[in-house]
């Protein structure tokens, strides 16, 4: 599976960005992860996985929305009310499950205070 992520950039705190990830084929799982400088990679959000609903890292609930378009094999991440601590490289992953997946190249999100 090939993944192409886009939509990152520099934004001021309180601003918004929308990430997109296009997969070369449909997979059971698609999700967003991120890695901040000096920290381990962490799960951010997913849509239509496991119970078929969205799931999010606790700190982004209410601010981020993941949505999946299975016709376009695309996963989106709408990020609102961004905070400096959201600064990270955001990665899209897709595959049979969160632990057996392919990874995209990542897109940088920088939130200035």
PDB file of N, CA and C in Angstrom:
ATOM      1  N   UNK A   1       0.849  -1.190   0.000  1.00  0.00           N
ATOM      2  CA  UNK A   1       0.000   0.000   0.000  1.00  0.00           C
ATOM      3  C   UNK A   1       0.884   1.239   0.000  1.00  0.00           C
ATOM      4  N   UNK A   2       0.602   2.139  -0.892  1.00  0.00           N
ATOM      5  CA  UNK A   2       1.323   3.415  -0.919  1.00  0.00           C
ATOM      6  C   UNK A   2       0.406   4.498  -0.372  1.00  0.00           C
ATOM      7  N   UNK A   3       0.992   5.364   0.436  1.00  0.00           N
ATOM      8  CA  UNK A   3       0.225   6.407   1.095  1.00  0.00           C
ATOM      9  C   UNK A   3       0.839   7.760   0.789  1.00  0.00           C
ATOM     10  N   UNK A   4      -0.006   8.723   0.518  1.00  0.00           N
ATOM     11  CA  UNK A   4       0.443  10.076   0.239  1.00  0.00           C
ATOM     12  C   UNK A   4      -0.293  11.030   1.170  1.00  0.00           C
ATOM     13  N   UNK A   5       0.446  11.599   2.117  1.00  0.00           N
ATOM     14  CA  UNK A   5      -0.145  12.548   3.062  1.00  0.00           C
ATOM     15  C   UNK A   5       0.170  13.967   2.641  1.00  0.00           C
ATOM     16  N   UNK A   6      -0.754  14.864   2.930  1.00  0.00           N
ATOM     17  CA  UNK A   6      -0.559  16.268   2.601  1.00  0.00           C
ATOM     18  C   UNK A   6      -1.384  17.131   3.551  1.00  0.00           C
ATOM     19  N   UNK A   7      -1.120  18.442   3.511  1.00  0.00           N
ATOM     20  CA  UNK A   7      -1.934  19.371   4.274  1.00  0.00           C
ATOM     21  C   UNK A   7      -1.260  19.991   5.483  1.00  0.00           C
ATOM     22  N   UNK A   8      -0.053  19.550   5.789  1.00  0.00           N
ATOM     23  CA  UNK A   8       0.647  20.130   6.921  1.00  0.00           C
ATOM     24  C   UNK A   8       1.095  21.552   6.634  1.00  0.00           C
ATOM     25  N   UNK A   9       1.608  22.212   7.669  1.00  0.00           N
ATOM     26  CA  UNK A   9       2.083  23.563   7.486  1.00  0.00           C
ATOM     27  C   UNK A   9       2.312  24.260   8.807  1.00  0.00           C
ATOM     28  N   UNK A  10       2.493  25.557   8.723  1.00  0.00           N
ATOM     29  CA  UNK A  10       2.715  26.399   9.901  1.00  0.00           C
ATOM     30  C   UNK A  10       1.451  27.187  10.178  1.00  0.00           C
ATOM     31  N   UNK A  11       1.002  27.149  11.422  1.00  0.00           N
ATOM     32  CA  UNK A  11      -0.229  27.841  11.796  1.00  0.00           C
ATOM     33  C   UNK A  11      -0.064  28.401  13.204  1.00  0.00           C
ATOM     34  N   UNK A  12      -0.759  29.470  13.482  1.00  0.00           N
ATOM     35  CA  UNK A  12      -0.728  30.039  14.830  1.00  0.00           C
ATOM     36  C   UNK A  12      -1.647  29.246  15.756  1.00  0.00           C
ATOM     37  N   UNK A  13      -1.353  29.309  17.025  1.00  0.00           N
ATOM     38  CA  UNK A  13      -2.193  28.639  18.016  1.00  0.00           C
ATOM     39  C   UNK A  13      -3.638  29.114  17.863  1.00  0.00           C
ATOM     40  N   UNK A  14      -4.554  28.159  17.925  1.00  0.00           N
ATOM     41  CA  UNK A  14      -5.960  28.462  17.730  1.00  0.00           C
ATOM     42  C   UNK A  14      -6.425  28.277  16.299  1.00  0.00           C
ATOM     43  N   UNK A  15      -5.484  28.101  15.404  1.00  0.00           N
ATOM     44  CA  UNK A  15      -5.812  27.941  13.997  1.00  0.00           C
ATOM     45  C   UNK A  15      -6.194  26.521  13.635  1.00  0.00           C
ATOM     46  N   UNK A  16      -6.400  26.303  12.335  1.00  0.00           N
ATOM     47  CA  UNK A  16      -6.855  25.003  11.839  1.00  0.00           C
ATOM     48  C   UNK A  16      -6.033  24.543  10.650  1.00  0.00           C
ATOM     49  N   UNK A  17      -5.962  23.246  10.507  1.00  0.00           N
ATOM     50  CA  UNK A  17      -5.361  22.613   9.339  1.00  0.00           C
ATOM     51  C   UNK A  17      -6.167  21.366   9.022  1.00  0.00           C
ATOM     52  N   UNK A  18      -6.131  20.958   7.772  1.00  0.00           N
ATOM     53  CA  UNK A  18      -6.784  19.711   7.369  1.00  0.00           C
ATOM     54  C   UNK A  18      -5.766  18.834   6.657  1.00  0.00           C
ATOM     55  N   UNK A  19      -5.506  17.681   7.209  1.00  0.00           N
ATOM     56  CA  UNK A  19      -4.598  16.724   6.603  1.00  0.00           C
ATOM     57  C   UNK A  19      -5.391  15.742   5.757  1.00  0.00           C
ATOM     58  N   UNK A  20      -4.755  15.285   4.688  1.00  0.00           N
ATOM     59  CA  UNK A  20      -5.355  14.265   3.824  1.00  0.00           C
ATOM     60  C   UNK A  20      -4.344  13.145   3.605  1.00  0.00           C
ATOM     61  N   UNK A  21      -4.847  11.950   3.478  1.00  0.00           N
ATOM     62  CA  UNK A  21      -3.988  10.801   3.190  1.00  0.00           C
ATOM     63  C   UNK A  21      -4.703   9.931   2.169  1.00  0.00           C
ATOM     64  N   UNK A  22      -4.090   9.779   1.008  1.00  0.00           N
ATOM     65  CA  UNK A  22      -4.660   8.952  -0.052  1.00  0.00           C
ATOM     66  C   UNK A  22      -3.907   7.635  -0.110  1.00  0.00           C
ATOM     67  N   UNK A  23      -4.637   6.536  -0.058  1.00  0.00           N
ATOM     68  CA  UNK A  23      -4.050   5.203  -0.142  1.00  0.00           C
ATOM     69  C   UNK A  23      -4.220   4.642  -1.552  1.00  0.00           C
ATOM     70  N   UNK A  24      -3.265   3.798  -1.947  1.00  0.00           N
ATOM     71  CA  UNK A  24      -3.316   3.226  -3.298  1.00  0.00           C
ATOM     72  C   UNK A  24      -4.393   2.157  -3.424  1.00  0.00           C
ATOM     73  N   UNK A  25      -4.856   1.633  -2.293  1.00  0.00           N
ATOM     74  CA  UNK A  25      -5.970   0.687  -2.310  1.00  0.00           C
ATOM     75  C   UNK A  25      -6.663   0.732  -0.958  1.00  0.00           C
ATOM     76  N   UNK A  26      -7.854   0.128  -0.924  1.00  0.00           N
ATOM     77  CA  UNK A  26      -8.615   0.126   0.322  1.00  0.00           C
ATOM     78  C   UNK A  26      -7.994  -0.850   1.318  1.00  0.00           C
ATOM     79  N   UNK A  27      -7.998  -0.471   2.580  1.00  0.00           N
ATOM     80  CA  UNK A  27      -7.501  -1.317   3.658  1.00  0.00           C
ATOM     81  C   UNK A  27      -8.501  -1.301   4.810  1.00  0.00           C
ATOM     82  N   UNK A  28      -8.373  -2.267   5.698  1.00  0.00           N
ATOM     83  CA  UNK A  28      -9.285  -2.327   6.838  1.00  0.00           C
ATOM     84  C   UNK A  28      -9.053  -1.160   7.786  1.00  0.00           C
ATOM     85  N   UNK A  29      -7.816  -0.847   8.012  1.00  0.00           N
ATOM     86  CA  UNK A  29      -7.469   0.188   8.972  1.00  0.00           C
ATOM     87  C   UNK A  29      -6.791   1.364   8.279  1.00  0.00           C
ATOM     88  N   UNK A  30      -7.170   2.567   8.638  1.00  0.00           N
ATOM     89  CA  UNK A  30      -6.449   3.782   8.283  1.00  0.00           C
ATOM     90  C   UNK A  30      -6.469   4.677   9.507  1.00  0.00           C
ATOM     91  N   UNK A  31      -5.316   5.230   9.820  1.00  0.00           N
ATOM     92  CA  UNK A  31      -5.261   6.072  11.010  1.00  0.00           C
ATOM     93  C   UNK A  31      -4.160   7.102  10.927  1.00  0.00           C
ATOM     94  N   UNK A  32      -4.233   8.063  11.835  1.00  0.00           N
ATOM     95  CA  UNK A  32      -3.228   9.112  11.941  1.00  0.00           C
ATOM     96  C   UNK A  32      -2.418   8.915  13.214  1.00  0.00           C
ATOM     97  N   UNK A  33      -1.111   9.100  13.080  1.00  0.00           N
ATOM     98  CA  UNK A  33      -0.186   9.064  14.196  1.00  0.00           C
ATOM     99  C   UNK A  33       0.669  10.321  14.104  1.00  0.00           C
ATOM    100  N   UNK A  34       1.402  10.606  15.169  1.00  0.00           N
ATOM    101  CA  UNK A  34       2.314  11.740  15.117  1.00  0.00           C
ATOM    102  C   UNK A  34       3.530  11.473  15.984  1.00  0.00           C
ATOM    103  N   UNK A  35       4.619  12.154  15.626  1.00  0.00           N
ATOM    104  CA  UNK A  35       5.838  12.082  16.421  1.00  0.00           C
ATOM    105  C   UNK A  35       6.353  13.488  16.642  1.00  0.00           C
ATOM    106  N   UNK A  36       6.342  13.898  17.886  1.00  0.00           N
ATOM    107  CA  UNK A  36       6.874  15.210  18.249  1.00  0.00           C
ATOM    108  C   UNK A  36       8.380  15.084  18.497  1.00  0.00           C
ATOM    109  N   UNK A  37       9.113  16.177  18.394  1.00  0.00           N
ATOM    110  CA  UNK A  37      10.565  16.126  18.617  1.00  0.00           C
ATOM    111  C   UNK A  37      10.910  15.537  19.983  1.00  0.00           C
ATOM    112  N   UNK A  38      11.765  14.518  19.970  1.00  0.00           N
ATOM    113  CA  UNK A  38      12.207  13.925  21.223  1.00  0.00           C
ATOM    114  C   UNK A  38      11.210  12.995  21.880  1.00  0.00           C
ATOM    115  N   UNK A  39      10.103  12.712  21.203  1.00  0.00           N
ATOM    116  CA  UNK A  39       9.075  11.858  21.789  1.00  0.00           C
ATOM    117  C   UNK A  39       8.788  10.657  20.905  1.00  0.00           C
ATOM    118  N   UNK A  40       8.126   9.679  21.477  1.00  0.00           N
ATOM    119  CA  UNK A  40       7.761   8.489  20.728  1.00  0.00           C
ATOM    120  C   UNK A  40       6.543   8.779  19.843  1.00  0.00           C
ATOM    121  N   UNK A  41       6.420   7.980  18.818  1.00  0.00           N
ATOM    122  CA  UNK A  41       5.255   8.107  17.959  1.00  0.00           C
ATOM    123  C   UNK A  41       4.002   7.729  18.745  1.00  0.00           C
ATOM    124  N   UNK A  42       2.917   8.457  18.508  1.00  0.00           N
ATOM    125  CA  UNK A  42       1.675   8.190  19.232  1.00  0.00           C
ATOM    126  C   UNK A  42       0.488   8.214  18.301  1.00  0.00           C
ATOM    127  N   UNK A  43      -0.518   7.464  18.682  1.00  0.00           N
ATOM    128  CA  UNK A  43      -1.764   7.417  17.930  1.00  0.00           C
ATOM    129  C   UNK A  43      -2.512   8.732  18.101  1.00  0.00           C
ATOM    130  N   UNK A  44      -3.132   9.196  17.022  1.00  0.00           N
ATOM    131  CA  UNK A  44      -3.907  10.439  17.084  1.00  0.00           C
ATOM    132  C   UNK A  44      -5.395  10.162  16.870  1.00  0.00           C
ATOM    133  N   UNK A  45      -5.728   9.521  15.759  1.00  0.00           N
ATOM    134  CA  UNK A  45      -7.140   9.296  15.511  1.00  0.00           C
ATOM    135  C   UNK A  45      -7.380   8.382  14.340  1.00  0.00           C
ATOM    136  N   UNK A  46      -8.578   7.808  14.291  1.00  0.00           N
ATOM    137  CA  UNK A  46      -8.962   6.941  13.203  1.00  0.00           C
ATOM    138  C   UNK A  46     -10.474   6.988  13.030  1.00  0.00           C
ATOM    139  N   UNK A  47     -10.932   6.464  11.914  1.00  0.00           N
ATOM    140  CA  UNK A  47     -12.359   6.434  11.629  1.00  0.00           C
ATOM    141  C   UNK A  47     -12.716   5.071  11.060  1.00  0.00           C
ATOM    142  N   UNK A  48     -13.868   4.576  11.413  1.00  0.00           N
ATOM    143  CA  UNK A  48     -14.391   3.311  10.879  1.00  0.00           C
ATOM    144  C   UNK A  48     -13.468   2.137  11.169  1.00  0.00           C
ATOM    145  N   UNK A  49     -12.949   2.086  12.358  1.00  0.00           N
ATOM    146  CA  UNK A  49     -12.105   0.960  12.756  1.00  0.00           C
ATOM    147  C   UNK A  49     -12.675   0.321  14.018  1.00  0.00           C
ATOM    148  N   UNK A  50     -12.585  -0.987  14.089  1.00  0.00           N
ATOM    149  CA  UNK A  50     -13.008  -1.765  15.259  1.00  0.00           C
ATOM    150  C   UNK A  50     -14.516  -1.663  15.463  1.00  0.00           C
ATOM    151  N   UNK A  51     -14.974  -0.687  16.187  1.00  0.00           N
ATOM    152  CA  UNK A  51     -16.415  -0.561  16.396  1.00  0.00           C
ATOM    153  C   UNK A  51     -17.081   0.271  15.306  1.00  0.00           C
ATOM    154  N   UNK A  52     -16.319   0.646  14.299  1.00  0.00           N
ATOM    155  CA  UNK A  52     -16.860   1.390  13.174  1.00  0.00           C
ATOM    156  C   UNK A  52     -16.986   2.879  13.404  1.00  0.00           C
ATOM    157  N   UNK A  53     -16.564   3.344  14.561  1.00  0.00           N
ATOM    158  CA  UNK A  53     -16.676   4.756  14.871  1.00  0.00           C
ATOM    159  C   UNK A  53     -15.293   5.392  14.931  1.00  0.00           C
ATOM    160  N   UNK A  54     -15.291   6.668  15.228  1.00  0.00           N
ATOM    161  CA  UNK A  54     -14.012   7.359  15.357  1.00  0.00           C
ATOM    162  C   UNK A  54     -13.416   7.081  16.734  1.00  0.00           C
ATOM    163  N   UNK A  55     -12.107   7.109  16.785  1.00  0.00           N
ATOM    164  CA  UNK A  55     -11.372   6.978  18.041  1.00  0.00           C
ATOM    165  C   UNK A  55     -10.232   7.975  18.041  1.00  0.00           C
ATOM    166  N   UNK A  56      -9.963   8.574  19.194  1.00  0.00           N
ATOM    167  CA  UNK A  56      -8.967   9.636  19.268  1.00  0.00           C
ATOM    168  C   UNK A  56      -8.106   9.525  20.506  1.00  0.00           C
ATOM    169  N   UNK A  57      -6.911  10.066  20.373  1.00  0.00           N
ATOM    170  CA  UNK A  57      -6.087  10.309  21.552  1.00  0.00           C
ATOM    171  C   UNK A  57      -6.850  11.309  22.437  1.00  0.00           C
ATOM    172  N   UNK A  58      -6.776  11.093  23.733  1.00  0.00           N
ATOM    173  CA  UNK A  58      -7.576  11.897  24.657  1.00  0.00           C
ATOM    174  C   UNK A  58      -7.349  13.394  24.494  1.00  0.00           C
ATOM    175  N   UNK A  59      -6.125  13.803  24.294  1.00  0.00           N
ATOM    176  CA  UNK A  59      -5.808  15.236  24.272  1.00  0.00           C
ATOM    177  C   UNK A  59      -6.315  15.959  23.025  1.00  0.00           C
ATOM    178  N   UNK A  60      -6.761  15.222  22.017  1.00  0.00           N
ATOM    179  CA  UNK A  60      -7.254  15.882  20.797  1.00  0.00           C
ATOM    180  C   UNK A  60      -8.765  15.782  20.661  1.00  0.00           C
ATOM    181  N   UNK A  61      -9.402  15.055  21.551  1.00  0.00           N
ATOM    182  CA  UNK A  61     -10.860  14.911  21.492  1.00  0.00           C
ATOM    183  C   UNK A  61     -11.534  16.279  21.580  1.00  0.00           C
ATOM    184  N   UNK A  62     -12.516  16.479  20.714  1.00  0.00           N
ATOM    185  CA  UNK A  62     -13.215  17.755  20.676  1.00  0.00           C
ATOM    186  C   UNK A  62     -12.559  18.786  19.786  1.00  0.00           C
ATOM    187  N   UNK A  63     -11.308  18.533  19.391  1.00  0.00           N
ATOM    188  CA  UNK A  63     -10.594  19.482  18.519  1.00  0.00           C
ATOM    189  C   UNK A  63     -10.289  18.880  17.151  1.00  0.00           C
ATOM    190  N   UNK A  64      -9.998  17.598  17.110  1.00  0.00           N
ATOM    191  CA  UNK A  64      -9.661  16.919  15.863  1.00  0.00           C
ATOM    192  C   UNK A  64     -10.815  16.023  15.428  1.00  0.00           C
ATOM    193  N   UNK A  65     -11.000  15.921  14.110  1.00  0.00           N
ATOM    194  CA  UNK A  65     -12.020  15.028  13.569  1.00  0.00           C
ATOM    195  C   UNK A  65     -11.419  14.213  12.428  1.00  0.00           C
ATOM    196  N   UNK A  66     -11.442  12.905  12.574  1.00  0.00           N
ATOM    197  CA  UNK A  66     -10.992  12.007  11.515  1.00  0.00           C
ATOM    198  C   UNK A  66     -12.197  11.547  10.717  1.00  0.00           C
ATOM    199  N   UNK A  67     -12.033  11.508   9.417  1.00  0.00           N
ATOM    200  CA  UNK A  67     -13.123  11.020   8.570  1.00  0.00           C
ATOM    201  C   UNK A  67     -12.524  10.266   7.397  1.00  0.00           C
ATOM    202  N   UNK A  68     -13.221   9.228   7.021  1.00  0.00           N
ATOM    203  CA  UNK A  68     -12.695   8.337   5.987  1.00  0.00           C
ATOM    204  C   UNK A  68     -13.670   8.272   4.827  1.00  0.00           C
ATOM    205  N   UNK A  69     -13.135   8.443   3.617  1.00  0.00           N
ATOM    206  CA  UNK A  69     -13.910   8.325   2.393  1.00  0.00           C
ATOM    207  C   UNK A  69     -13.438   7.062   1.686  1.00  0.00           C
ATOM    208  N   UNK A  70     -14.222   5.996   1.774  1.00  0.00           N
ATOM    209  CA  UNK A  70     -13.798   4.718   1.204  1.00  0.00           C
ATOM    210  C   UNK A  70     -13.905   4.671  -0.313  1.00  0.00           C
ATOM    211  N   UNK A  71     -14.634   5.568  -0.890  1.00  0.00           N
ATOM    212  CA  UNK A  71     -14.687   5.637  -2.360  1.00  0.00           C
ATOM    213  C   UNK A  71     -13.360   6.184  -2.884  1.00  0.00           C
ATOM    214  N   UNK A  72     -12.821   7.148  -2.178  1.00  0.00           N
ATOM    215  CA  UNK A  72     -11.563   7.770  -2.591  1.00  0.00           C
ATOM    216  C   UNK A  72     -10.346   7.170  -1.893  1.00  0.00           C
ATOM    217  N   UNK A  73     -10.556   6.178  -1.021  1.00  0.00           N
ATOM    218  CA  UNK A  73      -9.454   5.595  -0.239  1.00  0.00           C
ATOM    219  C   UNK A  73      -8.663   6.694   0.472  1.00  0.00           C
ATOM    220  N   UNK A  74      -9.362   7.613   1.054  1.00  0.00           N
ATOM    221  CA  UNK A  74      -8.745   8.786   1.656  1.00  0.00           C
ATOM    222  C   UNK A  74      -9.181   8.948   3.103  1.00  0.00           C
ATOM    223  N   UNK A  75      -8.227   9.284   3.942  1.00  0.00           N
ATOM    224  CA  UNK A  75      -8.489   9.588   5.341  1.00  0.00           C
ATOM    225  C   UNK A  75      -8.126  11.044   5.579  1.00  0.00           C
ATOM    226  N   UNK A  76      -9.019  11.757   6.243  1.00  0.00           N
ATOM    227  CA  UNK A  76      -8.791  13.157   6.547  1.00  0.00           C
ATOM    228  C   UNK A  76      -8.613  13.336   8.053  1.00  0.00           C
ATOM    229  N   UNK A  77      -7.954  14.423   8.403  1.00  0.00           N
ATOM    230  CA  UNK A  77      -7.872  14.814   9.812  1.00  0.00           C
ATOM    231  C   UNK A  77      -8.069  16.331   9.869  1.00  0.00           C
ATOM    232  N   UNK A  78      -9.239  16.734  10.291  1.00  0.00           N
ATOM    233  CA  UNK A  78      -9.509  18.149  10.494  1.00  0.00           C
ATOM    234  C   UNK A  78      -9.040  18.519  11.893  1.00  0.00           C
ATOM    235  N   UNK A  79      -8.129  19.461  11.968  1.00  0.00           N
ATOM    236  CA  UNK A  79      -7.541  19.851  13.241  1.00  0.00           C
ATOM    237  C   UNK A  79      -7.903  21.300  13.530  1.00  0.00           C
ATOM    238  N   UNK A  80      -8.675  21.499  14.565  1.00  0.00           N
ATOM    239  CA  UNK A  80      -9.094  22.837  14.979  1.00  0.00           C
ATOM    240  C   UNK A  80      -8.507  23.172  16.341  1.00  0.00           C
ATOM    241  N   UNK A  81      -8.519  24.442  16.680  1.00  0.00           N
ATOM    242  CA  UNK A  81      -8.009  24.900  17.982  1.00  0.00           C
ATOM    243  C   UNK A  81      -6.631  24.321  18.261  1.00  0.00           C
ATOM    244  N   UNK A  82      -5.770  24.422  17.284  1.00  0.00           N
ATOM    245  CA  UNK A  82      -4.439  23.830  17.409  1.00  0.00           C
ATOM    246  C   UNK A  82      -3.639  24.494  18.515  1.00  0.00           C
ATOM    247  N   UNK A  83      -2.820  23.683  19.167  1.00  0.00           N
ATOM    248  CA  UNK A  83      -1.981  24.138  20.262  1.00  0.00           C
ATOM    249  C   UNK A  83      -0.515  23.879  19.925  1.00  0.00           C
ATOM    250  N   UNK A  84       0.401  24.624  20.519  1.00  0.00           N
ATOM    251  CA  UNK A  84       1.822  24.370  20.256  1.00  0.00           C
ATOM    252  C   UNK A  84       2.217  22.920  20.515  1.00  0.00           C
ATOM    253  N   UNK A  85       1.599  22.276  21.475  1.00  0.00           N
ATOM    254  CA  UNK A  85       1.935  20.876  21.770  1.00  0.00           C
ATOM    255  C   UNK A  85       1.445  19.909  20.711  1.00  0.00           C
ATOM    256  N   UNK A  86       0.693  20.390  19.736  1.00  0.00           N
ATOM    257  CA  UNK A  86       0.311  19.554  18.602  1.00  0.00           C
ATOM    258  C   UNK A  86       1.397  19.519  17.518  1.00  0.00           C
ATOM    259  N   UNK A  87       2.423  20.314  17.693  1.00  0.00           N
ATOM    260  CA  UNK A  87       3.518  20.339  16.735  1.00  0.00           C
ATOM    261  C   UNK A  87       4.181  18.968  16.650  1.00  0.00           C
ATOM    262  N   UNK A  88       4.254  18.437  15.436  1.00  0.00           N
ATOM    263  CA  UNK A  88       4.794  17.092  15.232  1.00  0.00           C
ATOM    264  C   UNK A  88       4.795  16.799  13.740  1.00  0.00           C
ATOM    265  N   UNK A  89       5.450  15.703  13.402  1.00  0.00           N
ATOM    266  CA  UNK A  89       5.277  15.142  12.068  1.00  0.00           C
ATOM    267  C   UNK A  89       4.104  14.171  12.156  1.00  0.00           C
ATOM    268  N   UNK A  90       3.137  14.371  11.311  1.00  0.00           N
ATOM    269  CA  UNK A  90       1.932  13.544  11.318  1.00  0.00           C
ATOM    270  C   UNK A  90       2.059  12.486  10.213  1.00  0.00           C
ATOM    271  N   UNK A  91       1.803  11.247  10.603  1.00  0.00           N
ATOM    272  CA  UNK A  91       1.922  10.124   9.683  1.00  0.00           C
ATOM    273  C   UNK A  91       0.575   9.454   9.484  1.00  0.00           C
ATOM    274  N   UNK A  92       0.335   9.059   8.273  1.00  0.00           N
ATOM    275  CA  UNK A  92      -0.823   8.242   7.962  1.00  0.00           C
ATOM    276  C   UNK A  92      -0.367   6.785   7.908  1.00  0.00           C
ATOM    277  N   UNK A  93      -1.192   5.902   8.416  1.00  0.00           N
ATOM    278  CA  UNK A  93      -0.903   4.477   8.373  1.00  0.00           C
ATOM    279  C   UNK A  93      -2.133   3.733   7.877  1.00  0.00           C
ATOM    280  N   UNK A  94      -1.893   2.652   7.147  1.00  0.00           N
ATOM    281  CA  UNK A  94      -3.001   1.866   6.618  1.00  0.00           C
ATOM    282  C   UNK A  94      -2.582   0.411   6.494  1.00  0.00           C
ATOM    283  N   UNK A  95      -3.529  -0.485   6.750  1.00  0.00           N
ATOM    284  CA  UNK A  95      -3.236  -1.908   6.647  1.00  0.00           C
ATOM    285  C   UNK A  95      -4.330  -2.738   7.262  1.00  0.00           C
ATOM    286  N   UNK A  96      -3.968  -3.953   7.687  1.00  0.00           N
ATOM    287  CA  UNK A  96      -4.953  -4.846   8.275  1.00  0.00           C
ATOM    288  C   UNK A  96      -5.336  -4.430   9.690  1.00  0.00           C
ATOM    289  N   UNK A  97      -4.429  -3.812  10.390  1.00  0.00           N
ATOM    290  CA  UNK A  97      -4.682  -3.376  11.762  1.00  0.00           C
ATOM    291  C   UNK A  97      -3.668  -2.307  12.139  1.00  0.00           C
ATOM    292  N   UNK A  98      -3.835  -1.639  13.280  1.00  0.00           N
ATOM    293  CA  UNK A  98      -2.860  -0.616  13.686  1.00  0.00           C
ATOM    294  C   UNK A  98      -1.452  -1.162  13.906  1.00  0.00           C
ATOM    295  N   UNK A  99      -1.321  -2.453  14.145  1.00  0.00           N
ATOM    296  CA  UNK A  99       0.016  -3.012  14.382  1.00  0.00           C
ATOM    297  C   UNK A  99       0.567  -3.734  13.161  1.00  0.00           C
ATOM    298  N   UNK A 100      -0.213  -3.805  12.116  1.00  0.00           N
ATOM    299  CA  UNK A 100       0.253  -4.402  10.861  1.00  0.00           C
ATOM    300  C   UNK A 100      -0.165  -3.467   9.739  1.00  0.00           C
ATOM    301  N   UNK A 101       0.643  -2.413   9.539  1.00  0.00           N
ATOM    302  CA  UNK A 101       0.250  -1.420   8.551  1.00  0.00           C
ATOM    303  C   UNK A 101       1.445  -0.819   7.831  1.00  0.00           C
ATOM    304  N   UNK A 102       1.139  -0.168   6.771  1.00  0.00           N
ATOM    305  CA  UNK A 102       2.110   0.580   5.985  1.00  0.00           C
ATOM    306  C   UNK A 102       2.076   2.040   6.449  1.00  0.00           C
ATOM    307  N   UNK A 103       3.185   2.724   6.214  1.00  0.00           N
ATOM    308  CA  UNK A 103       3.298   4.104   6.684  1.00  0.00           C
ATOM    309  C   UNK A 103       3.566   5.064   5.536  1.00  0.00           C
ATOM    310  N   UNK A 104       2.966   6.229   5.615  1.00  0.00           N
ATOM    311  CA  UNK A 104       3.238   7.289   4.670  1.00  0.00           C
ATOM    312  C   UNK A 104       4.495   8.054   5.066  1.00  0.00           C
ATOM    313  N   UNK A 105       4.827   9.072   4.275  1.00  0.00           N
ATOM    314  CA  UNK A 105       6.087   9.783   4.479  1.00  0.00           C
ATOM    315  C   UNK A 105       6.010  10.831   5.572  1.00  0.00           C
ATOM    316  N   UNK A 106       4.833  11.181   6.034  1.00  0.00           N
ATOM    317  CA  UNK A 106       4.695  12.176   7.084  1.00  0.00           C
ATOM    318  C   UNK A 106       4.568  13.582   6.536  1.00  0.00           C
ATOM    319  N   UNK A 107       3.849  14.397   7.281  1.00  0.00           N
ATOM    320  CA  UNK A 107       3.691  15.804   6.929  1.00  0.00           C
ATOM    321  C   UNK A 107       3.871  16.631   8.200  1.00  0.00           C
ATOM    322  N   UNK A 108       4.667  17.682   8.113  1.00  0.00           N
ATOM    323  CA  UNK A 108       5.012  18.481   9.288  1.00  0.00           C
ATOM    324  C   UNK A 108       3.888  19.453   9.632  1.00  0.00           C
ATOM    325  N   UNK A 109       3.523  19.456  10.893  1.00  0.00           N
ATOM    326  CA  UNK A 109       2.582  20.435  11.433  1.00  0.00           C
ATOM    327  C   UNK A 109       3.305  21.218  12.518  1.00  0.00           C
ATOM    328  N   UNK A 110       3.356  22.532  12.352  1.00  0.00           N
ATOM    329  CA  UNK A 110       4.009  23.386  13.325  1.00  0.00           C
ATOM    330  C   UNK A 110       3.020  24.440  13.802  1.00  0.00           C
ATOM    331  N   UNK A 111       2.819  24.486  15.107  1.00  0.00           N
ATOM    332  CA  UNK A 111       1.883  25.437  15.696  1.00  0.00           C
ATOM    333  C   UNK A 111       2.678  26.429  16.530  1.00  0.00           C
ATOM    334  N   UNK A 112       2.614  27.685  16.147  1.00  0.00           N
ATOM    335  CA  UNK A 112       3.355  28.713  16.865  1.00  0.00           C
ATOM    336  C   UNK A 112       2.484  29.329  17.957  1.00  0.00           C
ATOM    337  N   UNK A 113       3.128  29.744  19.027  1.00  0.00           N
ATOM    338  CA  UNK A 113       2.373  30.321  20.149  1.00  0.00           C
ATOM    339  C   UNK A 113       2.214  31.821  20.012  1.00  0.00           C
TER     340      UNK A 113
END
